Amino acid sequence: MKTLFILNDPPYGSERCYNALRLAHALFKKDPQATVTVFLMADAVIAAKAAQKTPDGYYNVERMLKRVLVGKGQVLLCGTCMDARGLAEAELMADARRSTMDELATATVEADKVLVF
């Protein structure tokens, strides 16, 4: 099954990104062959910033996104949203990449399920 997660909220201050990524990880556990794409839009693009430091015992969205990538998933970022927030490609975590609305449209058409957080 192909699942597309579209995340809009900032990585911290709300738990929407956290909960979306928890669900993505649970999908991999249920079906190791699952295909997961995480598309970060609006303030969610900051979730893919490299070298995040969070307090001990607090979740770290960068680490959670890395688990998606280890599971053979994709992490894509809206390029326009990156530009609006001054986020450069060089600041992104490894294997997350800049994307476009056209690529999001293609991923939406190809997905069996689309979940928006």
PDB file of N, CA and C in Angstrom:
ATOM      1  N   MET A   1       0.823  -1.166   0.000  1.00  0.00           N
ATOM      2  CA  MET A   1       0.000   0.000   0.000  1.00  0.00           C
ATOM      3  C   MET A   1       0.877   1.242   0.000  1.00  0.00           C
ATOM      4  N   LYS A   2       0.486   2.236  -0.778  1.00  0.00           N
ATOM      5  CA  LYS A   2       1.190   3.512  -0.831  1.00  0.00           C
ATOM      6  C   LYS A   2       0.412   4.536  -0.018  1.00  0.00           C
ATOM      7  N   THR A   3       1.090   5.103   0.986  1.00  0.00           N
ATOM      8  CA  THR A   3       0.456   6.112   1.827  1.00  0.00           C
ATOM      9  C   THR A   3       1.227   7.410   1.718  1.00  0.00           C
ATOM     10  N   LEU A   4       0.495   8.480   1.494  1.00  0.00           N
ATOM     11  CA  LEU A   4       1.067   9.824   1.421  1.00  0.00           C
ATOM     12  C   LEU A   4       0.615  10.599   2.648  1.00  0.00           C
ATOM     13  N   PHE A   5       1.575  11.105   3.399  1.00  0.00           N
ATOM     14  CA  PHE A   5       1.302  11.972   4.537  1.00  0.00           C
ATOM     15  C   PHE A   5       1.633  13.394   4.114  1.00  0.00           C
ATOM     16  N   ILE A   6       0.695  14.302   4.282  1.00  0.00           N
ATOM     17  CA  ILE A   6       0.939  15.718   4.019  1.00  0.00           C
ATOM     18  C   ILE A   6       0.901  16.429   5.361  1.00  0.00           C
ATOM     19  N   LEU A   7       2.034  17.002   5.753  1.00  0.00           N
ATOM     20  CA  LEU A   7       2.152  17.681   7.044  1.00  0.00           C
ATOM     21  C   LEU A   7       2.247  19.179   6.816  1.00  0.00           C
ATOM     22  N   ASN A   8       1.493  19.946   7.600  1.00  0.00           N
ATOM     23  CA  ASN A   8       1.444  21.400   7.466  1.00  0.00           C
ATOM     24  C   ASN A   8       1.933  22.157   8.692  1.00  0.00           C
ATOM     25  N   ASP A   9       1.786  21.570   9.878  1.00  0.00           N
ATOM     26  CA  ASP A   9       2.090  22.281  11.123  1.00  0.00           C
ATOM     27  C   ASP A   9       3.577  22.258  11.448  1.00  0.00           C
ATOM     28  N   PRO A  10       4.019  23.207  12.275  1.00  0.00           N
ATOM     29  CA  PRO A  10       5.432  23.217  12.672  1.00  0.00           C
ATOM     30  C   PRO A  10       5.764  21.946  13.452  1.00  0.00           C
ATOM     31  N   PRO A  11       7.031  21.557  13.458  1.00  0.00           N
ATOM     32  CA  PRO A  11       7.423  20.307  14.117  1.00  0.00           C
ATOM     33  C   PRO A  11       7.272  20.336  15.635  1.00  0.00           C
ATOM     34  N   TYR A  12       7.305  21.498  16.231  1.00  0.00           N
ATOM     35  CA  TYR A  12       7.196  21.619  17.681  1.00  0.00           C
ATOM     36  C   TYR A  12       6.160  22.693  18.009  1.00  0.00           C
ATOM     37  N   GLY A  13       5.517  22.545  19.150  1.00  0.00           N
ATOM     38  CA  GLY A  13       4.476  23.498  19.547  1.00  0.00           C
ATOM     39  C   GLY A  13       3.090  22.935  19.305  1.00  0.00           C
ATOM     40  N   SER A  14       3.018  21.981  18.425  1.00  0.00           N
ATOM     41  CA  SER A  14       1.797  21.221  18.127  1.00  0.00           C
ATOM     42  C   SER A  14       2.280  19.778  18.020  1.00  0.00           C
ATOM     43  N   GLU A  15       1.423  18.833  18.214  1.00  0.00           N
ATOM     44  CA  GLU A  15       1.866  17.443  18.112  1.00  0.00           C
ATOM     45  C   GLU A  15       1.418  16.786  16.811  1.00  0.00           C
ATOM     46  N   ARG A  16       0.991  17.569  15.845  1.00  0.00           N
ATOM     47  CA  ARG A  16       0.519  16.986  14.586  1.00  0.00           C
ATOM     48  C   ARG A  16       1.623  16.263  13.818  1.00  0.00           C
ATOM     49  N   CYS A  17       2.783  16.869  13.684  1.00  0.00           N
ATOM     50  CA  CYS A  17       3.901  16.195  13.001  1.00  0.00           C
ATOM     51  C   CYS A  17       4.283  14.931  13.761  1.00  0.00           C
ATOM     52  N   TYR A  18       4.409  15.061  15.048  1.00  0.00           N
ATOM     53  CA  TYR A  18       4.763  13.931  15.910  1.00  0.00           C
ATOM     54  C   TYR A  18       3.784  12.771  15.709  1.00  0.00           C
ATOM     55  N   ASN A  19       2.495  13.058  15.762  1.00  0.00           N
ATOM     56  CA  ASN A  19       1.494  11.999  15.625  1.00  0.00           C
ATOM     57  C   ASN A  19       1.459  11.412  14.216  1.00  0.00           C
ATOM     58  N   ALA A  20       1.646  12.239  13.208  1.00  0.00           N
ATOM     59  CA  ALA A  20       1.696  11.729  11.829  1.00  0.00           C
ATOM     60  C   ALA A  20       2.861  10.764  11.670  1.00  0.00           C
ATOM     61  N   LEU A  21       4.013  11.120  12.209  1.00  0.00           N
ATOM     62  CA  LEU A  21       5.193  10.263  12.072  1.00  0.00           C
ATOM     63  C   LEU A  21       5.075   9.008  12.923  1.00  0.00           C
ATOM     64  N   ARG A  22       4.404   9.086  14.050  1.00  0.00           N
ATOM     65  CA  ARG A  22       4.129   7.879  14.832  1.00  0.00           C
ATOM     66  C   ARG A  22       3.283   6.913  14.019  1.00  0.00           C
ATOM     67  N   LEU A  23       2.288   7.443  13.312  1.00  0.00           N
ATOM     68  CA  LEU A  23       1.439   6.592  12.475  1.00  0.00           C
ATOM     69  C   LEU A  23       2.238   6.016  11.313  1.00  0.00           C
ATOM     70  N   ALA A  24       3.093   6.804  10.716  1.00  0.00           N
ATOM     71  CA  ALA A  24       3.937   6.294   9.620  1.00  0.00           C
ATOM     72  C   ALA A  24       4.787   5.120  10.106  1.00  0.00           C
ATOM     73  N   HIS A  25       5.364   5.242  11.289  1.00  0.00           N
ATOM     74  CA  HIS A  25       6.188   4.160  11.846  1.00  0.00           C
ATOM     75  C   HIS A  25       5.336   2.923  12.125  1.00  0.00           C
ATOM     76  N   ALA A  26       4.128   3.127  12.620  1.00  0.00           N
ATOM     77  CA  ALA A  26       3.231   1.999  12.883  1.00  0.00           C
ATOM     78  C   ALA A  26       2.862   1.280  11.586  1.00  0.00           C
ATOM     79  N   LEU A  27       2.705   2.030  10.498  1.00  0.00           N
ATOM     80  CA  LEU A  27       2.417   1.403   9.196  1.00  0.00           C
ATOM     81  C   LEU A  27       3.561   0.507   8.747  1.00  0.00           C
ATOM     82  N   PHE A  28       4.794   0.973   8.943  1.00  0.00           N
ATOM     83  CA  PHE A  28       5.945   0.149   8.579  1.00  0.00           C
ATOM     84  C   PHE A  28       5.981  -1.139   9.402  1.00  0.00           C
ATOM     85  N   LYS A  29       5.600  -1.046  10.682  1.00  0.00           N
ATOM     86  CA  LYS A  29       5.583  -2.244  11.521  1.00  0.00           C
ATOM     87  C   LYS A  29       4.539  -3.242  11.037  1.00  0.00           C
ATOM     88  N   LYS A  30       3.358  -2.748  10.667  1.00  0.00           N
ATOM     89  CA  LYS A  30       2.279  -3.619  10.204  1.00  0.00           C
ATOM     90  C   LYS A  30       2.569  -4.220   8.840  1.00  0.00           C
ATOM     91  N   ASP A  31       3.205  -3.430   7.981  1.00  0.00           N
ATOM     92  CA  ASP A  31       3.471  -3.868   6.614  1.00  0.00           C
ATOM     93  C   ASP A  31       4.849  -3.369   6.179  1.00  0.00           C
ATOM     94  N   PRO A  32       5.886  -4.197   6.347  1.00  0.00           N
ATOM     95  CA  PRO A  32       7.240  -3.776   5.981  1.00  0.00           C
ATOM     96  C   PRO A  32       7.383  -3.416   4.495  1.00  0.00           C
ATOM     97  N   GLN A  33       6.448  -3.859   3.669  1.00  0.00           N
ATOM     98  CA  GLN A  33       6.485  -3.545   2.243  1.00  0.00           C
ATOM     99  C   GLN A  33       5.758  -2.230   1.921  1.00  0.00           C
ATOM    100  N   ALA A  34       5.189  -1.599   2.925  1.00  0.00           N
ATOM    101  CA  ALA A  34       4.448  -0.356   2.714  1.00  0.00           C
ATOM    102  C   ALA A  34       5.364   0.714   2.129  1.00  0.00           C
ATOM    103  N   THR A  35       4.778   1.551   1.312  1.00  0.00           N
ATOM    104  CA  THR A  35       5.482   2.699   0.752  1.00  0.00           C
ATOM    105  C   THR A  35       4.910   3.946   1.411  1.00  0.00           C
ATOM    106  N   VAL A  36       5.781   4.715   2.046  1.00  0.00           N
ATOM    107  CA  VAL A  36       5.343   5.928   2.737  1.00  0.00           C
ATOM    108  C   VAL A  36       6.094   7.123   2.166  1.00  0.00           C
ATOM    109  N   THR A  37       5.319   8.146   1.810  1.00  0.00           N
ATOM    110  CA  THR A  37       5.889   9.421   1.401  1.00  0.00           C
ATOM    111  C   THR A  37       5.390  10.473   2.369  1.00  0.00           C
ATOM    112  N   VAL A  38       6.309  11.268   2.902  1.00  0.00           N
ATOM    113  CA  VAL A  38       5.963  12.383   3.776  1.00  0.00           C
ATOM    114  C   VAL A  38       6.269  13.655   3.002  1.00  0.00           C
ATOM    115  N   PHE A  39       5.233  14.457   2.783  1.00  0.00           N
ATOM    116  CA  PHE A  39       5.394  15.732   2.084  1.00  0.00           C
ATOM    117  C   PHE A  39       5.190  16.840   3.105  1.00  0.00           C
ATOM    118  N   LEU A  40       6.228  17.651   3.303  1.00  0.00           N
ATOM    119  CA  LEU A  40       6.207  18.736   4.279  1.00  0.00           C
ATOM    120  C   LEU A  40       5.882  20.051   3.578  1.00  0.00           C
ATOM    121  N   MET A  41       4.840  20.717   4.084  1.00  0.00           N
ATOM    122  CA  MET A  41       4.412  22.000   3.527  1.00  0.00           C
ATOM    123  C   MET A  41       4.345  23.034   4.649  1.00  0.00           C
ATOM    124  N   ALA A  42       4.231  24.291   4.259  1.00  0.00           N
ATOM    125  CA  ALA A  42       4.067  25.391   5.209  1.00  0.00           C
ATOM    126  C   ALA A  42       5.139  25.283   6.301  1.00  0.00           C
ATOM    127  N   ASP A  43       4.751  25.478   7.563  1.00  0.00           N
ATOM    128  CA  ASP A  43       5.740  25.457   8.648  1.00  0.00           C
ATOM    129  C   ASP A  43       6.333  24.079   8.902  1.00  0.00           C
ATOM    130  N   ALA A  44       5.737  23.029   8.364  1.00  0.00           N
ATOM    131  CA  ALA A  44       6.270  21.668   8.555  1.00  0.00           C
ATOM    132  C   ALA A  44       7.623  21.476   7.873  1.00  0.00           C
ATOM    133  N   VAL A  45       7.985  22.336   6.906  1.00  0.00           N
ATOM    134  CA  VAL A  45       9.283  22.151   6.241  1.00  0.00           C
ATOM    135  C   VAL A  45      10.437  22.224   7.240  1.00  0.00           C
ATOM    136  N   ILE A  46      10.250  22.938   8.332  1.00  0.00           N
ATOM    137  CA  ILE A  46      11.310  23.064   9.340  1.00  0.00           C
ATOM    138  C   ILE A  46      11.598  21.709   9.998  1.00  0.00           C
ATOM    139  N   ALA A  47      10.680  20.768   9.905  1.00  0.00           N
ATOM    140  CA  ALA A  47      10.874  19.438  10.494  1.00  0.00           C
ATOM    141  C   ALA A  47      12.074  18.715   9.890  1.00  0.00           C
ATOM    142  N   ALA A  48      12.448  19.057   8.667  1.00  0.00           N
ATOM    143  CA  ALA A  48      13.559  18.381   7.994  1.00  0.00           C
ATOM    144  C   ALA A  48      14.888  19.119   8.152  1.00  0.00           C
ATOM    145  N   LYS A  49      14.929  20.122   8.998  1.00  0.00           N
ATOM    146  CA  LYS A  49      16.189  20.836   9.240  1.00  0.00           C
ATOM    147  C   LYS A  49      17.154  19.915   9.973  1.00  0.00           C
ATOM    148  N   ALA A  50      18.371  19.877   9.515  1.00  0.00           N
ATOM    149  CA  ALA A  50      19.402  19.005  10.093  1.00  0.00           C
ATOM    150  C   ALA A  50      19.867  19.524  11.451  1.00  0.00           C
ATOM    151  N   ALA A  51      20.384  18.604  12.260  1.00  0.00           N
ATOM    152  CA  ALA A  51      21.049  18.893  13.539  1.00  0.00           C
ATOM    153  C   ALA A  51      20.119  19.507  14.586  1.00  0.00           C
ATOM    154  N   GLN A  52      18.891  18.995  14.659  1.00  0.00           N
ATOM    155  CA  GLN A  52      17.967  19.471  15.688  1.00  0.00           C
ATOM    156  C   GLN A  52      18.423  18.982  17.052  1.00  0.00           C
ATOM    157  N   LYS A  53      18.328  19.859  18.024  1.00  0.00           N
ATOM    158  CA  LYS A  53      18.686  19.501  19.401  1.00  0.00           C
ATOM    159  C   LYS A  53      17.454  19.728  20.266  1.00  0.00           C
ATOM    160  N   THR A  54      16.971  18.659  20.862  1.00  0.00           N
ATOM    161  CA  THR A  54      15.809  18.754  21.739  1.00  0.00           C
ATOM    162  C   THR A  54      16.214  18.294  23.142  1.00  0.00           C
ATOM    163  N   PRO A  55      15.477  18.719  24.157  1.00  0.00           N
ATOM    164  CA  PRO A  55      15.812  18.302  25.527  1.00  0.00           C
ATOM    165  C   PRO A  55      15.713  16.787  25.690  1.00  0.00           C
ATOM    166  N   ASP A  56      16.488  16.244  26.613  1.00  0.00           N
ATOM    167  CA  ASP A  56      16.417  14.810  26.910  1.00  0.00           C
ATOM    168  C   ASP A  56      14.988  14.436  27.253  1.00  0.00           C
ATOM    169  N   GLY A  57      14.541  13.318  26.716  1.00  0.00           N
ATOM    170  CA  GLY A  57      13.197  12.840  26.987  1.00  0.00           C
ATOM    171  C   GLY A  57      12.125  13.438  26.090  1.00  0.00           C
ATOM    172  N   TYR A  58      12.490  14.363  25.219  1.00  0.00           N
ATOM    173  CA  TYR A  58      11.545  15.025  24.324  1.00  0.00           C
ATOM    174  C   TYR A  58      11.708  14.426  22.929  1.00  0.00           C
ATOM    175  N   TYR A  59      10.626  14.271  22.214  1.00  0.00           N
ATOM    176  CA  TYR A  59      10.731  13.708  20.870  1.00  0.00           C
ATOM    177  C   TYR A  59      11.526  14.627  19.949  1.00  0.00           C
ATOM    178  N   ASN A  60      12.135  14.024  18.937  1.00  0.00           N
ATOM    179  CA  ASN A  60      12.942  14.753  17.969  1.00  0.00           C
ATOM    180  C   ASN A  60      12.411  14.394  16.579  1.00  0.00           C
ATOM    181  N   VAL A  61      11.822  15.360  15.909  1.00  0.00           N
ATOM    182  CA  VAL A  61      11.176  15.109  14.623  1.00  0.00           C
ATOM    183  C   VAL A  61      12.194  14.718  13.552  1.00  0.00           C
ATOM    184  N   GLU A  62      13.382  15.259  13.604  1.00  0.00           N
ATOM    185  CA  GLU A  62      14.416  14.871  12.639  1.00  0.00           C
ATOM    186  C   GLU A  62      14.698  13.375  12.736  1.00  0.00           C
ATOM    187  N   ARG A  63      14.842  12.860  13.944  1.00  0.00           N
ATOM    188  CA  ARG A  63      15.078  11.421  14.123  1.00  0.00           C
ATOM    189  C   ARG A  63      13.886  10.605  13.621  1.00  0.00           C
ATOM    190  N   MET A  64      12.692  11.117  13.848  1.00  0.00           N
ATOM    191  CA  MET A  64      11.495  10.402  13.393  1.00  0.00           C
ATOM    192  C   MET A  64      11.430  10.360  11.865  1.00  0.00           C
ATOM    193  N   LEU A  65      11.825  11.443  11.213  1.00  0.00           N
ATOM    194  CA  LEU A  65      11.869  11.454   9.745  1.00  0.00           C
ATOM    195  C   LEU A  65      12.942  10.502   9.227  1.00  0.00           C
ATOM    196  N   LYS A  66      14.067  10.405   9.938  1.00  0.00           N
ATOM    197  CA  LYS A  66      15.116   9.466   9.539  1.00  0.00           C
ATOM    198  C   LYS A  66      14.593   8.036   9.549  1.00  0.00           C
ATOM    199  N   ARG A  67      13.724   7.718  10.501  1.00  0.00           N
ATOM    200  CA  ARG A  67      13.141   6.371  10.557  1.00  0.00           C
ATOM    201  C   ARG A  67      12.258   6.110   9.335  1.00  0.00           C
ATOM    202  N   VAL A  68      11.600   7.132   8.834  1.00  0.00           N
ATOM    203  CA  VAL A  68      10.816   6.982   7.595  1.00  0.00           C
ATOM    204  C   VAL A  68      11.753   6.653   6.447  1.00  0.00           C
ATOM    205  N   LEU A  69      12.865   7.350   6.377  1.00  0.00           N
ATOM    206  CA  LEU A  69      13.833   7.120   5.299  1.00  0.00           C
ATOM    207  C   LEU A  69      14.470   5.736   5.396  1.00  0.00           C
ATOM    208  N   VAL A  70      14.765   5.285   6.598  1.00  0.00           N
ATOM    209  CA  VAL A  70      15.331   3.948   6.800  1.00  0.00           C
ATOM    210  C   VAL A  70      14.334   2.881   6.336  1.00  0.00           C
ATOM    211  N   GLY A  71      13.049   3.175   6.501  1.00  0.00           N
ATOM    212  CA  GLY A  71      12.003   2.261   6.057  1.00  0.00           C
ATOM    213  C   GLY A  71      11.745   2.338   4.565  1.00  0.00           C
ATOM    214  N   LYS A  72      12.635   2.947   3.831  1.00  0.00           N
ATOM    215  CA  LYS A  72      12.539   3.103   2.378  1.00  0.00           C
ATOM    216  C   LYS A  72      11.444   4.082   1.961  1.00  0.00           C
ATOM    217  N   GLY A  73      11.107   4.996   2.878  1.00  0.00           N
ATOM    218  CA  GLY A  73      10.140   6.037   2.553  1.00  0.00           C
ATOM    219  C   GLY A  73      10.836   7.247   1.945  1.00  0.00           C
ATOM    220  N   GLN A  74      10.036   8.253   1.628  1.00  0.00           N
ATOM    221  CA  GLN A  74      10.557   9.499   1.072  1.00  0.00           C
ATOM    222  C   GLN A  74      10.147  10.652   1.968  1.00  0.00           C
ATOM    223  N   VAL A  75      10.995  11.675   2.040  1.00  0.00           N
ATOM    224  CA  VAL A  75      10.664  12.919   2.716  1.00  0.00           C
ATOM    225  C   VAL A  75      10.878  14.028   1.698  1.00  0.00           C
ATOM    226  N   LEU A  76       9.773  14.655   1.320  1.00  0.00           N
ATOM    227  CA  LEU A  76       9.791  15.712   0.310  1.00  0.00           C
ATOM    228  C   LEU A  76       9.336  17.021   0.935  1.00  0.00           C
ATOM    229  N   LEU A  77       9.905  18.127   0.479  1.00  0.00           N
ATOM    230  CA  LEU A  77       9.561  19.440   1.009  1.00  0.00           C
ATOM    231  C   LEU A  77       9.081  20.361  -0.102  1.00  0.00           C
ATOM    232  N   CYS A  78       8.052  21.124   0.200  1.00  0.00           N
ATOM    233  CA  CYS A  78       7.557  22.129  -0.734  1.00  0.00           C
ATOM    234  C   CYS A  78       8.636  23.203  -0.910  1.00  0.00           C
ATOM    235  N   GLY A  79       9.116  23.362  -2.122  1.00  0.00           N
ATOM    236  CA  GLY A  79      10.173  24.334  -2.394  1.00  0.00           C
ATOM    237  C   GLY A  79       9.745  25.766  -2.140  1.00  0.00           C
ATOM    238  N   THR A  80       8.520  26.111  -2.493  1.00  0.00           N
ATOM    239  CA  THR A  80       8.005  27.462  -2.265  1.00  0.00           C
ATOM    240  C   THR A  80       7.943  27.752  -0.767  1.00  0.00           C
ATOM    241  N   CYS A  81       7.521  26.764   0.011  1.00  0.00           N
ATOM    242  CA  CYS A  81       7.440  26.918   1.469  1.00  0.00           C
ATOM    243  C   CYS A  81       8.834  27.071   2.075  1.00  0.00           C
ATOM    244  N   MET A  82       9.806  26.332   1.530  1.00  0.00           N
ATOM    245  CA  MET A  82      11.187  26.473   1.990  1.00  0.00           C
ATOM    246  C   MET A  82      11.673  27.898   1.751  1.00  0.00           C
ATOM    247  N   ASP A  83      11.433  28.392   0.540  1.00  0.00           N
ATOM    248  CA  ASP A  83      11.881  29.747   0.191  1.00  0.00           C
ATOM    249  C   ASP A  83      11.242  30.793   1.101  1.00  0.00           C
ATOM    250  N   ALA A  84       9.954  30.635   1.379  1.00  0.00           N
ATOM    251  CA  ALA A  84       9.238  31.603   2.208  1.00  0.00           C
ATOM    252  C   ALA A  84       9.791  31.649   3.626  1.00  0.00           C
ATOM    253  N   ARG A  85      10.389  30.554   4.073  1.00  0.00           N
ATOM    254  CA  ARG A  85      10.930  30.471   5.426  1.00  0.00           C
ATOM    255  C   ARG A  85      12.449  30.592   5.473  1.00  0.00           C
ATOM    256  N   GLY A  86      13.071  30.848   4.321  1.00  0.00           N
ATOM    257  CA  GLY A  86      14.520  31.024   4.276  1.00  0.00           C
ATOM    258  C   GLY A  86      15.288  29.746   4.558  1.00  0.00           C
ATOM    259  N   LEU A  87      14.679  28.598   4.264  1.00  0.00           N
ATOM    260  CA  LEU A  87      15.321  27.306   4.507  1.00  0.00           C
ATOM    261  C   LEU A  87      16.045  26.856   3.238  1.00  0.00           C
ATOM    262  N   ALA A  88      17.357  26.770   3.305  1.00  0.00           N
ATOM    263  CA  ALA A  88      18.172  26.378   2.160  1.00  0.00           C
ATOM    264  C   ALA A  88      18.329  24.857   2.100  1.00  0.00           C
ATOM    265  N   GLU A  89      18.527  24.336   0.904  1.00  0.00           N
ATOM    266  CA  GLU A  89      18.713  22.887   0.735  1.00  0.00           C
ATOM    267  C   GLU A  89      19.900  22.369   1.553  1.00  0.00           C
ATOM    268  N   ALA A  90      20.930  23.171   1.697  1.00  0.00           N
ATOM    269  CA  ALA A  90      22.117  22.765   2.462  1.00  0.00           C
ATOM    270  C   ALA A  90      21.801  22.558   3.949  1.00  0.00           C
ATOM    271  N   GLU A  91      20.690  23.086   4.428  1.00  0.00           N
ATOM    272  CA  GLU A  91      20.307  22.951   5.839  1.00  0.00           C
ATOM    273  C   GLU A  91      19.467  21.701   6.106  1.00  0.00           C
ATOM    274  N   LEU A  92      19.117  20.972   5.045  1.00  0.00           N
ATOM    275  CA  LEU A  92      18.231  19.821   5.201  1.00  0.00           C
ATOM    276  C   LEU A  92      18.974  18.583   5.677  1.00  0.00           C
ATOM    277  N   MET A  93      18.252  17.741   6.377  1.00  0.00           N
ATOM    278  CA  MET A  93      18.793  16.446   6.788  1.00  0.00           C
ATOM    279  C   MET A  93      19.073  15.607   5.539  1.00  0.00           C
ATOM    280  N   ALA A  94      19.972  14.660   5.666  1.00  0.00           N
ATOM    281  CA  ALA A  94      20.347  13.800   4.541  1.00  0.00           C
ATOM    282  C   ALA A  94      19.123  13.066   4.007  1.00  0.00           C
ATOM    283  N   ASP A  95      19.028  13.008   2.695  1.00  0.00           N
ATOM    284  CA  ASP A  95      18.010  12.263   1.952  1.00  0.00           C
ATOM    285  C   ASP A  95      16.629  12.904   1.928  1.00  0.00           C
ATOM    286  N   ALA A  96      16.402  13.987   2.657  1.00  0.00           N
ATOM    287  CA  ALA A  96      15.178  14.770   2.465  1.00  0.00           C
ATOM    288  C   ALA A  96      15.465  15.678   1.276  1.00  0.00           C
ATOM    289  N   ARG A  97      14.438  15.950   0.475  1.00  0.00           N
ATOM    290  CA  ARG A  97      14.739  16.780  -0.697  1.00  0.00           C
ATOM    291  C   ARG A  97      13.625  17.742  -1.044  1.00  0.00           C
ATOM    292  N   ARG A  98      14.056  18.820  -1.666  1.00  0.00           N
ATOM    293  CA  ARG A  98      13.149  19.855  -2.168  1.00  0.00           C
ATOM    294  C   ARG A  98      12.250  19.230  -3.232  1.00  0.00           C
ATOM    295  N   SER A  99      10.993  19.650  -3.264  1.00  0.00           N
ATOM    296  CA  SER A  99      10.048  19.098  -4.216  1.00  0.00           C
ATOM    297  C   SER A  99       9.155  20.209  -4.759  1.00  0.00           C
ATOM    298  N   THR A 100       8.109  19.806  -5.460  1.00  0.00           N
ATOM    299  CA  THR A 100       7.211  20.758  -6.117  1.00  0.00           C
ATOM    300  C   THR A 100       5.755  20.333  -5.932  1.00  0.00           C
ATOM    301  N   MET A 101       4.859  21.233  -6.246  1.00  0.00           N
ATOM    302  CA  MET A 101       3.433  20.901  -6.222  1.00  0.00           C
ATOM    303  C   MET A 101       3.104  19.863  -7.297  1.00  0.00           C
ATOM    304  N   ASP A 102       3.798  19.899  -8.407  1.00  0.00           N
ATOM    305  CA  ASP A 102       3.575  18.885  -9.443  1.00  0.00           C
ATOM    306  C   ASP A 102       3.919  17.493  -8.921  1.00  0.00           C
ATOM    307  N   GLU A 103       5.018  17.384  -8.181  1.00  0.00           N
ATOM    308  CA  GLU A 103       5.397  16.091  -7.615  1.00  0.00           C
ATOM    309  C   GLU A 103       4.392  15.658  -6.542  1.00  0.00           C
ATOM    310  N   LEU A 104       3.874  16.622  -5.769  1.00  0.00           N
ATOM    311  CA  LEU A 104       2.840  16.302  -4.784  1.00  0.00           C
ATOM    312  C   LEU A 104       1.579  15.816  -5.492  1.00  0.00           C
ATOM    313  N   ALA A 105       1.216  16.446  -6.589  1.00  0.00           N
ATOM    314  CA  ALA A 105       0.032  16.015  -7.343  1.00  0.00           C
ATOM    315  C   ALA A 105       0.208  14.586  -7.844  1.00  0.00           C
ATOM    316  N   THR A 106       1.380  14.263  -8.351  1.00  0.00           N
ATOM    317  CA  THR A 106       1.659  12.904  -8.829  1.00  0.00           C
ATOM    318  C   THR A 106       1.585  11.913  -7.677  1.00  0.00           C
ATOM    319  N   ALA A 107       2.189  12.249  -6.549  1.00  0.00           N
ATOM    320  CA  ALA A 107       2.167  11.362  -5.385  1.00  0.00           C
ATOM    321  C   ALA A 107       0.742  11.160  -4.889  1.00  0.00           C
ATOM    322  N   THR A 108      -0.082  12.185  -4.975  1.00  0.00           N
ATOM    323  CA  THR A 108      -1.474  12.092  -4.537  1.00  0.00           C
ATOM    324  C   THR A 108      -2.256  11.130  -5.426  1.00  0.00           C
ATOM    325  N   VAL A 109      -2.057  11.246  -6.726  1.00  0.00           N
ATOM    326  CA  VAL A 109      -2.755  10.370  -7.677  1.00  0.00           C
ATOM    327  C   VAL A 109      -2.315   8.917  -7.497  1.00  0.00           C
ATOM    328  N   GLU A 110      -1.036   8.708  -7.220  1.00  0.00           N
ATOM    329  CA  GLU A 110      -0.495   7.348  -7.100  1.00  0.00           C
ATOM    330  C   GLU A 110      -0.770   6.690  -5.742  1.00  0.00           C
ATOM    331  N   ALA A 111      -1.102   7.488  -4.723  1.00  0.00           N
ATOM    332  CA  ALA A 111      -1.282   6.952  -3.375  1.00  0.00           C
ATOM    333  C   ALA A 111      -2.598   6.195  -3.232  1.00  0.00           C
ATOM    334  N   ASP A 112      -2.557   5.143  -2.411  1.00  0.00           N
ATOM    335  CA  ASP A 112      -3.785   4.442  -2.043  1.00  0.00           C
ATOM    336  C   ASP A 112      -4.522   5.212  -0.958  1.00  0.00           C
ATOM    337  N   LYS A 113      -3.745   5.866  -0.090  1.00  0.00           N
ATOM    338  CA  LYS A 113      -4.324   6.672   0.994  1.00  0.00           C
ATOM    339  C   LYS A 113      -3.537   7.963   1.126  1.00  0.00           C
ATOM    340  N   VAL A 114      -4.271   9.044   1.371  1.00  0.00           N
ATOM    341  CA  VAL A 114      -3.656  10.350   1.620  1.00  0.00           C
ATOM    342  C   VAL A 114      -4.132  10.825   2.988  1.00  0.00           C
ATOM    343  N   LEU A 115      -3.188  11.088   3.868  1.00  0.00           N
ATOM    344  CA  LEU A 115      -3.493  11.558   5.224  1.00  0.00           C
ATOM    345  C   LEU A 115      -2.909  12.949   5.400  1.00  0.00           C
ATOM    346  N   VAL A 116      -3.727  13.880   5.854  1.00  0.00           N
ATOM    347  CA  VAL A 116      -3.291  15.275   6.002  1.00  0.00           C
ATOM    348  C   VAL A 116      -3.286  15.636   7.476  1.00  0.00           C
ATOM    349  N   PHE A 117      -2.143  16.129   7.935  1.00  0.00           N
ATOM    350  CA  PHE A 117      -1.984  16.568   9.321  1.00  0.00           C
ATOM    351  C   PHE A 117      -1.597  18.029   9.346  1.00  0.00           C
TER     352      PHE A 117
END
